[in-house]
PDB file of N, CA and C in Angstrom:
ATOM      1  N   UNK A   1      -5.554  41.360  37.235  1.00  0.00           N
ATOM      2  CA  UNK A   1      -4.699  40.270  37.626  1.00  0.00           C
ATOM      3  C   UNK A   1      -5.529  39.045  38.026  1.00  0.00           C
ATOM      4  N   UNK A   2      -6.597  39.275  38.822  1.00  0.00           N
ATOM      5  CA  UNK A   2      -7.453  38.170  39.240  1.00  0.00           C
ATOM      6  C   UNK A   2      -8.110  37.508  38.031  1.00  0.00           C
ATOM      7  N   UNK A   3      -8.484  38.311  37.024  1.00  0.00           N
ATOM      8  CA  UNK A   3      -9.114  37.768  35.822  1.00  0.00           C
ATOM      9  C   UNK A   3      -8.123  36.883  35.053  1.00  0.00           C
ATOM     10  N   UNK A   4      -6.852  37.282  35.020  1.00  0.00           N
ATOM     11  CA  UNK A   4      -5.829  36.510  34.324  1.00  0.00           C
ATOM     12  C   UNK A   4      -5.631  35.157  34.999  1.00  0.00           C
ATOM     13  N   UNK A   5      -5.571  35.161  36.338  1.00  0.00           N
ATOM     14  CA  UNK A   5      -5.395  33.904  37.073  1.00  0.00           C
ATOM     15  C   UNK A   5      -6.612  33.015  36.891  1.00  0.00           C
ATOM     16  N   UNK A   6      -7.797  33.590  36.940  1.00  0.00           N
ATOM     17  CA  UNK A   6      -9.026  32.832  36.752  1.00  0.00           C
ATOM     18  C   UNK A   6      -9.073  32.250  35.338  1.00  0.00           C
ATOM     19  N   UNK A   7      -8.723  33.047  34.340  1.00  0.00           N
ATOM     20  CA  UNK A   7      -8.721  32.580  32.954  1.00  0.00           C
ATOM     21  C   UNK A   7      -7.719  31.447  32.777  1.00  0.00           C
ATOM     22  N   UNK A   8      -6.548  31.564  33.387  1.00  0.00           N
ATOM     23  CA  UNK A   8      -5.532  30.520  33.290  1.00  0.00           C
ATOM     24  C   UNK A   8      -6.020  29.234  33.950  1.00  0.00           C
ATOM     25  N   UNK A   9      -6.679  29.343  35.064  1.00  0.00           N
ATOM     26  CA  UNK A   9      -7.196  28.171  35.770  1.00  0.00           C
ATOM     27  C   UNK A   9      -8.273  27.472  34.946  1.00  0.00           C
ATOM     28  N   UNK A  10      -9.155  28.256  34.358  1.00  0.00           N
ATOM     29  CA  UNK A  10     -10.216  27.687  33.522  1.00  0.00           C
ATOM     30  C   UNK A  10      -9.605  27.013  32.300  1.00  0.00           C
ATOM     31  N   UNK A  11      -8.659  27.679  31.672  1.00  0.00           N
ATOM     32  CA  UNK A  11      -7.992  27.114  30.497  1.00  0.00           C
ATOM     33  C   UNK A  11      -7.258  25.834  30.850  1.00  0.00           C
ATOM     34  N   UNK A  12      -6.577  25.805  31.985  1.00  0.00           N
ATOM     35  CA  UNK A  12      -5.869  24.607  32.421  1.00  0.00           C
ATOM     36  C   UNK A  12      -6.837  23.457  32.629  1.00  0.00           C
ATOM     37  N   UNK A  13      -7.992  23.745  33.159  1.00  0.00           N
ATOM     38  CA  UNK A  13      -9.009  22.716  33.367  1.00  0.00           C
ATOM     39  C   UNK A  13      -9.523  22.167  32.053  1.00  0.00           C
ATOM     40  N   UNK A  14      -9.694  23.023  31.059  1.00  0.00           N
ATOM     41  CA  UNK A  14     -10.176  22.605  29.744  1.00  0.00           C
ATOM     42  C   UNK A  14      -9.112  21.774  29.043  1.00  0.00           C
ATOM     43  N   UNK A  15      -7.878  22.194  29.132  1.00  0.00           N
ATOM     44  CA  UNK A  15      -6.782  21.478  28.475  1.00  0.00           C
ATOM     45  C   UNK A  15      -6.540  20.144  29.154  1.00  0.00           C
ATOM     46  N   UNK A  16      -6.612  20.083  30.479  1.00  0.00           N
ATOM     47  CA  UNK A  16      -6.331  18.865  31.224  1.00  0.00           C
ATOM     48  C   UNK A  16      -7.464  17.853  31.128  1.00  0.00           C
ATOM     49  N   UNK A  17      -8.687  18.311  30.909  1.00  0.00           N
ATOM     50  CA  UNK A  17      -9.833  17.406  30.903  1.00  0.00           C
ATOM     51  C   UNK A  17      -9.674  16.252  29.925  1.00  0.00           C
ATOM     52  N   UNK A  18      -9.243  16.460  28.680  1.00  0.00           N
ATOM     53  CA  UNK A  18      -9.106  15.334  27.771  1.00  0.00           C
ATOM     54  C   UNK A  18      -8.063  14.316  28.227  1.00  0.00           C
ATOM     55  N   UNK A  19      -7.046  14.761  28.929  1.00  0.00           N
ATOM     56  CA  UNK A  19      -6.015  13.851  29.404  1.00  0.00           C
ATOM     57  C   UNK A  19      -6.622  12.827  30.345  1.00  0.00           C
ATOM     58  N   UNK A  20      -7.479  13.263  31.256  1.00  0.00           N
ATOM     59  CA  UNK A  20      -8.086  12.357  32.214  1.00  0.00           C
ATOM     60  C   UNK A  20      -9.223  11.552  31.586  1.00  0.00           C
ATOM     61  N   UNK A  21      -9.892  12.111  30.606  1.00  0.00           N
ATOM     62  CA  UNK A  21     -11.021  11.423  29.983  1.00  0.00           C
ATOM     63  C   UNK A  21     -10.564  10.143  29.297  1.00  0.00           C
ATOM     64  N   UNK A  22      -9.325  10.103  28.806  1.00  0.00           N
ATOM     65  CA  UNK A  22      -8.817   8.925  28.115  1.00  0.00           C
ATOM     66  C   UNK A  22      -8.684   7.720  29.018  1.00  0.00           C
ATOM     67  N   UNK A  23      -8.600   7.917  30.336  1.00  0.00           N
ATOM     68  CA  UNK A  23      -8.456   6.796  31.255  1.00  0.00           C
ATOM     69  C   UNK A  23      -9.757   6.049  31.476  1.00  0.00           C
ATOM     70  N   UNK A  24     -10.874   6.700  31.250  1.00  0.00           N
ATOM     71  CA  UNK A  24     -12.158   6.071  31.491  1.00  0.00           C
ATOM     72  C   UNK A  24     -12.647   5.445  30.189  1.00  0.00           C
ATOM     73  N   UNK A  25     -12.424   4.157  30.034  1.00  0.00           N
ATOM     74  CA  UNK A  25     -12.822   3.482  28.804  1.00  0.00           C
ATOM     75  C   UNK A  25     -13.971   2.519  29.054  1.00  0.00           C
ATOM     76  N   UNK A  26     -14.699   2.729  30.165  1.00  0.00           N
ATOM     77  CA  UNK A  26     -15.851   1.886  30.459  1.00  0.00           C
ATOM     78  C   UNK A  26     -16.850   2.015  29.323  1.00  0.00           C
ATOM     79  N   UNK A  27     -17.377   0.924  28.924  1.00  0.00           N
ATOM     80  CA  UNK A  27     -18.370   0.942  27.856  1.00  0.00           C
ATOM     81  C   UNK A  27     -17.755   0.822  26.467  1.00  0.00           C
ATOM     82  N   UNK A  28     -16.436   0.860  26.370  1.00  0.00           N
ATOM     83  CA  UNK A  28     -15.780   0.724  25.073  1.00  0.00           C
ATOM     84  C   UNK A  28     -15.583  -0.764  24.778  1.00  0.00           C
ATOM     85  N   UNK A  29     -16.018  -1.213  23.643  1.00  0.00           N
ATOM     86  CA  UNK A  29     -15.846  -2.609  23.260  1.00  0.00           C
ATOM     87  C   UNK A  29     -14.607  -2.714  22.390  1.00  0.00           C
ATOM     88  N   UNK A  30     -13.473  -2.983  22.988  1.00  0.00           N
ATOM     89  CA  UNK A  30     -12.202  -3.025  22.265  1.00  0.00           C
ATOM     90  C   UNK A  30     -11.996  -4.350  21.556  1.00  0.00           C
ATOM     91  N   UNK A  31     -12.866  -5.319  21.771  1.00  0.00           N
ATOM     92  CA  UNK A  31     -12.705  -6.617  21.128  1.00  0.00           C
ATOM     93  C   UNK A  31     -13.452  -6.696  19.805  1.00  0.00           C
ATOM     94  N   UNK A  32     -14.143  -5.639  19.446  1.00  0.00           N
ATOM     95  CA  UNK A  32     -14.898  -5.644  18.193  1.00  0.00           C
ATOM     96  C   UNK A  32     -13.945  -5.713  17.012  1.00  0.00           C
ATOM     97  N   UNK A  33     -14.341  -6.450  16.003  1.00  0.00           N
ATOM     98  CA  UNK A  33     -13.531  -6.574  14.792  1.00  0.00           C
ATOM     99  C   UNK A  33     -13.788  -5.377  13.896  1.00  0.00           C
ATOM    100  N   UNK A  34     -12.780  -4.983  13.081  1.00  0.00           N
ATOM    101  CA  UNK A  34     -13.002  -3.879  12.148  1.00  0.00           C
ATOM    102  C   UNK A  34     -14.149  -4.214  11.199  1.00  0.00           C
ATOM    103  N   UNK A  35     -14.859  -3.183  10.762  1.00  0.00           N
ATOM    104  CA  UNK A  35     -16.010  -3.383   9.890  1.00  0.00           C
ATOM    105  C   UNK A  35     -15.603  -4.035   8.569  1.00  0.00           C
ATOM    106  N   UNK A  36     -14.460  -3.648   8.033  1.00  0.00           N
ATOM    107  CA  UNK A  36     -13.989  -4.201   6.772  1.00  0.00           C
ATOM    108  C   UNK A  36     -12.577  -4.713   6.989  1.00  0.00           C
ATOM    109  N   UNK A  37     -12.372  -5.957   6.647  1.00  0.00           N
ATOM    110  CA  UNK A  37     -11.042  -6.518   6.808  1.00  0.00           C
ATOM    111  C   UNK A  37     -10.616  -7.110   5.476  1.00  0.00           C
ATOM    112  N   UNK A  38      -9.559  -6.567   4.893  1.00  0.00           N
ATOM    113  CA  UNK A  38      -9.062  -7.077   3.623  1.00  0.00           C
ATOM    114  C   UNK A  38      -8.059  -8.182   3.893  1.00  0.00           C
ATOM    115  N   UNK A  39      -8.243  -9.298   3.212  1.00  0.00           N
ATOM    116  CA  UNK A  39      -7.284 -10.381   3.302  1.00  0.00           C
ATOM    117  C   UNK A  39      -6.824 -10.657   1.886  1.00  0.00           C
ATOM    118  N   UNK A  40      -5.599 -10.308   1.609  1.00  0.00           N
ATOM    119  CA  UNK A  40      -5.068 -10.503   0.269  1.00  0.00           C
ATOM    120  C   UNK A  40      -4.214 -11.763   0.240  1.00  0.00           C
ATOM    121  N   UNK A  41      -4.392 -12.524  -0.792  1.00  0.00           N
ATOM    122  CA  UNK A  41      -3.579 -13.717  -0.954  1.00  0.00           C
ATOM    123  C   UNK A  41      -2.168 -13.311  -1.345  1.00  0.00           C
ATOM    124  N   UNK A  42      -1.182 -13.947  -0.747  1.00  0.00           N
ATOM    125  CA  UNK A  42       0.211 -13.631  -1.063  1.00  0.00           C
ATOM    126  C   UNK A  42       0.579 -14.057  -2.470  1.00  0.00           C
ATOM    127  N   UNK A  43      -0.244 -14.902  -3.073  1.00  0.00           N
ATOM    128  CA  UNK A  43       0.091 -15.374  -4.405  1.00  0.00           C
ATOM    129  C   UNK A  43      -0.807 -14.779  -5.487  1.00  0.00           C
ATOM    130  N   UNK A  44      -1.621 -13.781  -5.156  1.00  0.00           N
ATOM    131  CA  UNK A  44      -2.541 -13.189  -6.124  1.00  0.00           C
ATOM    132  C   UNK A  44      -1.773 -12.565  -7.281  1.00  0.00           C
ATOM    133  N   UNK A  45      -2.201 -12.881  -8.490  1.00  0.00           N
ATOM    134  CA  UNK A  45      -1.568 -12.333  -9.695  1.00  0.00           C
ATOM    135  C   UNK A  45      -2.549 -11.401 -10.391  1.00  0.00           C
ATOM    136  N   UNK A  46      -2.016 -10.420 -11.093  1.00  0.00           N
ATOM    137  CA  UNK A  46      -2.807  -9.418 -11.801  1.00  0.00           C
ATOM    138  C   UNK A  46      -2.520  -9.512 -13.295  1.00  0.00           C
ATOM    139  N   UNK A  47      -3.571  -9.407 -14.099  1.00  0.00           N
ATOM    140  CA  UNK A  47      -3.410  -9.407 -15.558  1.00  0.00           C
ATOM    141  C   UNK A  47      -2.715  -8.127 -15.999  1.00  0.00           C
ATOM    142  N   UNK A  48      -1.810  -8.269 -16.978  1.00  0.00           N
ATOM    143  CA  UNK A  48      -1.086  -7.110 -17.493  1.00  0.00           C
ATOM    144  C   UNK A  48      -0.649  -7.371 -18.930  1.00  0.00           C
ATOM    145  N   UNK A  49      -0.286  -6.277 -19.602  1.00  0.00           N
ATOM    146  CA  UNK A  49       0.276  -6.361 -20.953  1.00  0.00           C
ATOM    147  C   UNK A  49       1.630  -5.658 -20.931  1.00  0.00           C
ATOM    148  N   UNK A  50       2.627  -6.312 -21.521  1.00  0.00           N
ATOM    149  CA  UNK A  50       3.970  -5.739 -21.572  1.00  0.00           C
ATOM    150  C   UNK A  50       3.980  -4.649 -22.640  1.00  0.00           C
ATOM    151  N   UNK A  51       4.345  -3.442 -22.241  1.00  0.00           N
ATOM    152  CA  UNK A  51       4.415  -2.317 -23.166  1.00  0.00           C
ATOM    153  C   UNK A  51       5.843  -2.045 -23.616  1.00  0.00           C
ATOM    154  N   UNK A  52       6.826  -2.339 -22.742  1.00  0.00           N
ATOM    155  CA  UNK A  52       8.228  -2.074 -23.069  1.00  0.00           C
ATOM    156  C   UNK A  52       9.108  -2.934 -22.183  1.00  0.00           C
ATOM    157  N   UNK A  53      10.218  -3.373 -22.723  1.00  0.00           N
ATOM    158  CA  UNK A  53      11.195  -4.140 -21.961  1.00  0.00           C
ATOM    159  C   UNK A  53      12.550  -3.477 -22.132  1.00  0.00           C
ATOM    160  N   UNK A  54      13.231  -3.179 -21.024  1.00  0.00           N
ATOM    161  CA  UNK A  54      14.569  -2.586 -21.057  1.00  0.00           C
ATOM    162  C   UNK A  54      15.514  -3.517 -20.315  1.00  0.00           C
ATOM    163  N   UNK A  55      16.191  -4.385 -21.089  1.00  0.00           N
ATOM    164  CA  UNK A  55      17.076  -5.389 -20.500  1.00  0.00           C
ATOM    165  C   UNK A  55      18.280  -4.763 -19.802  1.00  0.00           C
ATOM    166  N   UNK A  56      18.724  -3.594 -20.242  1.00  0.00           N
ATOM    167  CA  UNK A  56      19.903  -2.974 -19.619  1.00  0.00           C
ATOM    168  C   UNK A  56      19.626  -2.476 -18.205  1.00  0.00           C
ATOM    169  N   UNK A  57      18.391  -2.012 -17.960  1.00  0.00           N
ATOM    170  CA  UNK A  57      18.052  -1.514 -16.619  1.00  0.00           C
ATOM    171  C   UNK A  57      17.247  -2.531 -15.806  1.00  0.00           C
ATOM    172  N   UNK A  58      16.765  -3.597 -16.465  1.00  0.00           N
ATOM    173  CA  UNK A  58      15.951  -4.590 -15.772  1.00  0.00           C
ATOM    174  C   UNK A  58      14.536  -4.114 -15.509  1.00  0.00           C
ATOM    175  N   UNK A  59      14.078  -3.145 -16.303  1.00  0.00           N
ATOM    176  CA  UNK A  59      12.742  -2.577 -16.124  1.00  0.00           C
ATOM    177  C   UNK A  59      11.773  -3.134 -17.174  1.00  0.00           C
ATOM    178  N   UNK A  60      10.535  -3.363 -16.726  1.00  0.00           N
ATOM    179  CA  UNK A  60       9.472  -3.813 -17.619  1.00  0.00           C
ATOM    180  C   UNK A  60       8.296  -2.854 -17.422  1.00  0.00           C
ATOM    181  N   UNK A  61       7.839  -2.257 -18.519  1.00  0.00           N
ATOM    182  CA  UNK A  61       6.682  -1.362 -18.455  1.00  0.00           C
ATOM    183  C   UNK A  61       5.439  -2.191 -18.712  1.00  0.00           C
ATOM    184  N   UNK A  62       4.485  -2.101 -17.783  1.00  0.00           N
ATOM    185  CA  UNK A  62       3.263  -2.888 -17.860  1.00  0.00           C
ATOM    186  C   UNK A  62       2.034  -1.998 -17.868  1.00  0.00           C
ATOM    187  N   UNK A  63       1.057  -2.380 -18.664  1.00  0.00           N
ATOM    188  CA  UNK A  63      -0.290  -1.821 -18.551  1.00  0.00           C
ATOM    189  C   UNK A  63      -1.029  -2.864 -17.720  1.00  0.00           C
ATOM    190  N   UNK A  64      -1.309  -2.532 -16.457  1.00  0.00           N
ATOM    191  CA  UNK A  64      -1.788  -3.544 -15.518  1.00  0.00           C
ATOM    192  C   UNK A  64      -3.137  -3.188 -14.905  1.00  0.00           C
ATOM    193  N   UNK A  65      -3.780  -4.217 -14.389  1.00  0.00           N
ATOM    194  CA  UNK A  65      -5.001  -4.032 -13.614  1.00  0.00           C
ATOM    195  C   UNK A  65      -4.630  -3.552 -12.220  1.00  0.00           C
ATOM    196  N   UNK A  66      -5.623  -3.452 -11.352  1.00  0.00           N
ATOM    197  CA  UNK A  66      -5.393  -2.984  -9.978  1.00  0.00           C
ATOM    198  C   UNK A  66      -4.441  -3.931  -9.246  1.00  0.00           C
ATOM    199  N   UNK A  67      -3.452  -3.346  -8.597  1.00  0.00           N
ATOM    200  CA  UNK A  67      -2.506  -4.104  -7.774  1.00  0.00           C
ATOM    201  C   UNK A  67      -2.930  -3.889  -6.322  1.00  0.00           C
ATOM    202  N   UNK A  68      -3.879  -4.690  -5.879  1.00  0.00           N
ATOM    203  CA  UNK A  68      -4.516  -4.514  -4.568  1.00  0.00           C
ATOM    204  C   UNK A  68      -3.509  -4.524  -3.424  1.00  0.00           C
ATOM    205  N   UNK A  69      -2.513  -5.402  -3.480  1.00  0.00           N
ATOM    206  CA  UNK A  69      -1.590  -5.553  -2.358  1.00  0.00           C
ATOM    207  C   UNK A  69      -0.697  -4.338  -2.136  1.00  0.00           C
ATOM    208  N   UNK A  70      -0.520  -3.504  -3.160  1.00  0.00           N
ATOM    209  CA  UNK A  70       0.276  -2.281  -2.993  1.00  0.00           C
ATOM    210  C   UNK A  70      -0.591  -1.028  -3.138  1.00  0.00           C
ATOM    211  N   UNK A  71      -1.908  -1.228  -3.229  1.00  0.00           N
ATOM    212  CA  UNK A  71      -2.837  -0.101  -3.284  1.00  0.00           C
ATOM    213  C   UNK A  71      -2.739   0.738  -4.536  1.00  0.00           C
ATOM    214  N   UNK A  72      -2.506   0.102  -5.674  1.00  0.00           N
ATOM    215  CA  UNK A  72      -2.342   0.841  -6.924  1.00  0.00           C
ATOM    216  C   UNK A  72      -3.494   0.547  -7.886  1.00  0.00           C
ATOM    217  N   UNK A  73      -4.129   1.588  -8.426  1.00  0.00           N
ATOM    218  CA  UNK A  73      -5.197   1.386  -9.406  1.00  0.00           C
ATOM    219  C   UNK A  73      -4.603   0.967 -10.753  1.00  0.00           C
ATOM    220  N   UNK A  74      -5.454   0.543 -11.684  1.00  0.00           N
ATOM    221  CA  UNK A  74      -4.962   0.189 -13.021  1.00  0.00           C
ATOM    222  C   UNK A  74      -4.254   1.376 -13.670  1.00  0.00           C
ATOM    223  N   UNK A  75      -3.130   1.109 -14.321  1.00  0.00           N
ATOM    224  CA  UNK A  75      -2.372   2.145 -15.026  1.00  0.00           C
ATOM    225  C   UNK A  75      -1.254   1.498 -15.827  1.00  0.00           C
ATOM    226  N   UNK A  76      -0.468   2.326 -16.494  1.00  0.00           N
ATOM    227  CA  UNK A  76       0.728   1.867 -17.193  1.00  0.00           C
ATOM    228  C   UNK A  76       1.927   2.438 -16.465  1.00  0.00           C
ATOM    229  N   UNK A  77       2.864   1.554 -16.089  1.00  0.00           N
ATOM    230  CA  UNK A  77       4.002   1.976 -15.289  1.00  0.00           C
ATOM    231  C   UNK A  77       5.164   1.008 -15.460  1.00  0.00           C
ATOM    232  N   UNK A  78       6.375   1.509 -15.314  1.00  0.00           N
ATOM    233  CA  UNK A  78       7.573   0.679 -15.382  1.00  0.00           C
ATOM    234  C   UNK A  78       7.898   0.138 -13.995  1.00  0.00           C
ATOM    235  N   UNK A  79       8.253  -1.131 -13.945  1.00  0.00           N
ATOM    236  CA  UNK A  79       8.612  -1.789 -12.697  1.00  0.00           C
ATOM    237  C   UNK A  79       9.968  -2.468 -12.847  1.00  0.00           C
ATOM    238  N   UNK A  80      10.691  -2.541 -11.753  1.00  0.00           N
ATOM    239  CA  UNK A  80      11.937  -3.295 -11.724  1.00  0.00           C
ATOM    240  C   UNK A  80      11.566  -4.775 -11.639  1.00  0.00           C
ATOM    241  N   UNK A  81      12.305  -5.609 -12.375  1.00  0.00           N
ATOM    242  CA  UNK A  81      12.088  -7.053 -12.297  1.00  0.00           C
ATOM    243  C   UNK A  81      13.002  -7.628 -11.228  1.00  0.00           C
ATOM    244  N   UNK A  82      12.497  -8.612 -10.494  1.00  0.00           N
ATOM    245  CA  UNK A  82      13.258  -9.226  -9.405  1.00  0.00           C
ATOM    246  C   UNK A  82      14.564  -9.835  -9.912  1.00  0.00           C
ATOM    247  N   UNK A  83      14.496 -10.466 -11.079  1.00  0.00           N
ATOM    248  CA  UNK A  83      15.726 -11.026 -11.647  1.00  0.00           C
ATOM    249  C   UNK A  83      15.715 -10.923 -13.172  1.00  0.00           C
ATOM    250  N   UNK A  84      16.900 -11.043 -13.749  1.00  0.00           N
ATOM    251  CA  UNK A  84      17.078 -10.844 -15.192  1.00  0.00           C
ATOM    252  C   UNK A  84      16.311 -11.856 -16.034  1.00  0.00           C
ATOM    253  N   UNK A  85      16.076 -13.045 -15.513  1.00  0.00           N
ATOM    254  CA  UNK A  85      15.368 -14.061 -16.298  1.00  0.00           C
ATOM    255  C   UNK A  85      13.947 -13.612 -16.640  1.00  0.00           C
ATOM    256  N   UNK A  86      13.348 -12.834 -15.762  1.00  0.00           N
ATOM    257  CA  UNK A  86      12.001 -12.315 -16.043  1.00  0.00           C
ATOM    258  C   UNK A  86      12.028 -11.389 -17.249  1.00  0.00           C
ATOM    259  N   UNK A  87      13.028 -10.537 -17.304  1.00  0.00           N
ATOM    260  CA  UNK A  87      13.143  -9.561 -18.397  1.00  0.00           C
ATOM    261  C   UNK A  87      13.377 -10.279 -19.719  1.00  0.00           C
ATOM    262  N   UNK A  88      14.154 -11.348 -19.693  1.00  0.00           N
ATOM    263  CA  UNK A  88      14.494 -12.085 -20.919  1.00  0.00           C
ATOM    264  C   UNK A  88      13.320 -12.872 -21.482  1.00  0.00           C
ATOM    265  N   UNK A  89      12.352 -13.228 -20.652  1.00  0.00           N
ATOM    266  CA  UNK A  89      11.267 -14.085 -21.135  1.00  0.00           C
ATOM    267  C   UNK A  89      10.089 -13.337 -21.741  1.00  0.00           C
ATOM    268  N   UNK A  90      10.066 -12.004 -21.626  1.00  0.00           N
ATOM    269  CA  UNK A  90       8.914 -11.256 -22.150  1.00  0.00           C
ATOM    270  C   UNK A  90       9.325 -10.276 -23.240  1.00  0.00           C
ATOM    271  N   UNK A  91       8.332  -9.969 -24.078  1.00  0.00           N
ATOM    272  CA  UNK A  91       8.525  -9.022 -25.183  1.00  0.00           C
ATOM    273  C   UNK A  91       7.328  -8.087 -25.230  1.00  0.00           C
ATOM    274  N   UNK A  92       7.507  -6.955 -25.879  1.00  0.00           N
ATOM    275  CA  UNK A  92       6.423  -5.986 -26.034  1.00  0.00           C
ATOM    276  C   UNK A  92       5.204  -6.668 -26.653  1.00  0.00           C
ATOM    277  N   UNK A  93       4.036  -6.431 -26.046  1.00  0.00           N
ATOM    278  CA  UNK A  93       2.789  -7.005 -26.540  1.00  0.00           C
ATOM    279  C   UNK A  93       2.378  -8.288 -25.837  1.00  0.00           C
ATOM    280  N   UNK A  94       3.284  -8.918 -25.093  1.00  0.00           N
ATOM    281  CA  UNK A  94       2.951 -10.157 -24.382  1.00  0.00           C
ATOM    282  C   UNK A  94       1.898  -9.902 -23.309  1.00  0.00           C
ATOM    283  N   UNK A  95       0.983 -10.860 -23.160  1.00  0.00           N
ATOM    284  CA  UNK A  95       0.016 -10.853 -22.060  1.00  0.00           C
ATOM    285  C   UNK A  95       0.647 -11.657 -20.929  1.00  0.00           C
ATOM    286  N   UNK A  96       0.618 -11.087 -19.731  1.00  0.00           N
ATOM    287  CA  UNK A  96       1.247 -11.733 -18.580  1.00  0.00           C
ATOM    288  C   UNK A  96       0.356 -11.613 -17.352  1.00  0.00           C
ATOM    289  N   UNK A  97       0.707 -12.379 -16.327  1.00  0.00           N
ATOM    290  CA  UNK A  97       0.116 -12.231 -14.991  1.00  0.00           C
ATOM    291  C   UNK A  97       1.289 -11.966 -14.069  1.00  0.00           C
ATOM    292  N   UNK A  98       1.143 -10.944 -13.218  1.00  0.00           N
ATOM    293  CA  UNK A  98       2.266 -10.525 -12.381  1.00  0.00           C
ATOM    294  C   UNK A  98       1.867 -10.356 -10.924  1.00  0.00           C
ATOM    295  N   UNK A  99       2.884 -10.435 -10.090  1.00  0.00           N
ATOM    296  CA  UNK A  99       2.766 -10.079  -8.674  1.00  0.00           C
ATOM    297  C   UNK A  99       3.807  -9.000  -8.427  1.00  0.00           C
ATOM    298  N   UNK A 100       3.349  -7.819  -8.027  1.00  0.00           N
ATOM    299  CA  UNK A 100       4.239  -6.694  -7.736  1.00  0.00           C
ATOM    300  C   UNK A 100       4.212  -6.466  -6.227  1.00  0.00           C
ATOM    301  N   UNK A 101       5.391  -6.296  -5.644  1.00  0.00           N
ATOM    302  CA  UNK A 101       5.494  -6.026  -4.213  1.00  0.00           C
ATOM    303  C   UNK A 101       6.455  -4.876  -3.972  1.00  0.00           C
ATOM    304  N   UNK A 102       6.318  -4.250  -2.825  1.00  0.00           N
ATOM    305  CA  UNK A 102       7.235  -3.185  -2.414  1.00  0.00           C
ATOM    306  C   UNK A 102       8.442  -3.862  -1.771  1.00  0.00           C
ATOM    307  N   UNK A 103       9.571  -3.840  -2.471  1.00  0.00           N
ATOM    308  CA  UNK A 103      10.800  -4.465  -1.975  1.00  0.00           C
ATOM    309  C   UNK A 103      11.787  -3.348  -1.663  1.00  0.00           C
ATOM    310  N   UNK A 104      12.006  -3.111  -0.391  1.00  0.00           N
ATOM    311  CA  UNK A 104      12.924  -2.052   0.058  1.00  0.00           C
ATOM    312  C   UNK A 104      12.607  -0.700  -0.576  1.00  0.00           C
ATOM    313  N   UNK A 105      11.321  -0.382  -0.673  1.00  0.00           N
ATOM    314  CA  UNK A 105      10.905   0.916  -1.186  1.00  0.00           C
ATOM    315  C   UNK A 105      10.777   1.000  -2.696  1.00  0.00           C
ATOM    316  N   UNK A 106      11.007  -0.112  -3.401  1.00  0.00           N
ATOM    317  CA  UNK A 106      10.902  -0.119  -4.861  1.00  0.00           C
ATOM    318  C   UNK A 106       9.829  -1.115  -5.281  1.00  0.00           C
ATOM    319  N   UNK A 107       8.870  -0.661  -6.092  1.00  0.00           N
ATOM    320  CA  UNK A 107       7.854  -1.574  -6.600  1.00  0.00           C
ATOM    321  C   UNK A 107       8.519  -2.520  -7.590  1.00  0.00           C
ATOM    322  N   UNK A 108       8.473  -3.807  -7.264  1.00  0.00           N
ATOM    323  CA  UNK A 108       9.244  -4.819  -7.992  1.00  0.00           C
ATOM    324  C   UNK A 108       8.339  -5.968  -8.430  1.00  0.00           C
ATOM    325  N   UNK A 109       8.545  -6.445  -9.660  1.00  0.00           N
ATOM    326  CA  UNK A 109       7.853  -7.630 -10.137  1.00  0.00           C
ATOM    327  C   UNK A 109       8.542  -8.819  -9.488  1.00  0.00           C
ATOM    328  N   UNK A 110       7.823  -9.528  -8.614  1.00  0.00           N
ATOM    329  CA  UNK A 110       8.421 -10.663  -7.916  1.00  0.00           C
ATOM    330  C   UNK A 110       7.980 -12.002  -8.522  1.00  0.00           C
ATOM    331  N   UNK A 111       6.909 -11.974  -9.309  1.00  0.00           N
ATOM    332  CA  UNK A 111       6.453 -13.170  -9.998  1.00  0.00           C
ATOM    333  C   UNK A 111       5.868 -12.747 -11.334  1.00  0.00           C
ATOM    334  N   UNK A 112       6.188 -13.498 -12.379  1.00  0.00           N
ATOM    335  CA  UNK A 112       5.708 -13.162 -13.723  1.00  0.00           C
ATOM    336  C   UNK A 112       5.422 -14.448 -14.464  1.00  0.00           C
ATOM    337  N   UNK A 113       4.224 -14.542 -14.990  1.00  0.00           N
ATOM    338  CA  UNK A 113       3.826 -15.712 -15.793  1.00  0.00           C
ATOM    339  C   UNK A 113       3.307 -15.228 -17.139  1.00  0.00           C
ATOM    340  N   UNK A 114       3.901 -15.745 -18.231  1.00  0.00           N
ATOM    341  CA  UNK A 114       3.408 -15.442 -19.575  1.00  0.00           C
ATOM    342  C   UNK A 114       2.108 -16.165 -19.813  1.00  0.00           C
ATOM    343  N   UNK A 115       1.179 -15.483 -20.465  1.00  0.00           N
ATOM    344  CA  UNK A 115      -0.102 -16.090 -20.812  1.00  0.00           C
ATOM    345  C   UNK A 115      -0.043 -16.556 -22.265  1.00  0.00           C
ATOM    346  N   UNK A 116      -0.754 -17.646 -22.572  1.00  0.00           N
ATOM    347  CA  UNK A 116      -0.745 -18.155 -23.959  1.00  0.00           C
ATOM    348  C   UNK A 116      -1.409 -17.201 -24.933  1.00  0.00           C
TER     349      UNK A 116
END
């Protein structure tokens, strides 16, 4: 019985120690800036090629470069277009520059420029 109480006391001390250790932040430099800070331009466009256009669903399939602002590597993927005029202005094979953003949980083309 004495061993059980002693073990519980020791365990309680070990478990409680981290709780109190968090209060002592002496020596911590909380004003330091992160080592790497990404600043993405809100207007950054990515080169892409139109692979498919579906006017009925408003989807455009793009073979695109890295979409840094949404953390997506280069790939081919279908995206919803923000408005129907975007879908009407492009055709399969067109070279474009796009801005894709997460709009209410859906990756959406919010800006599209046809390239000459």
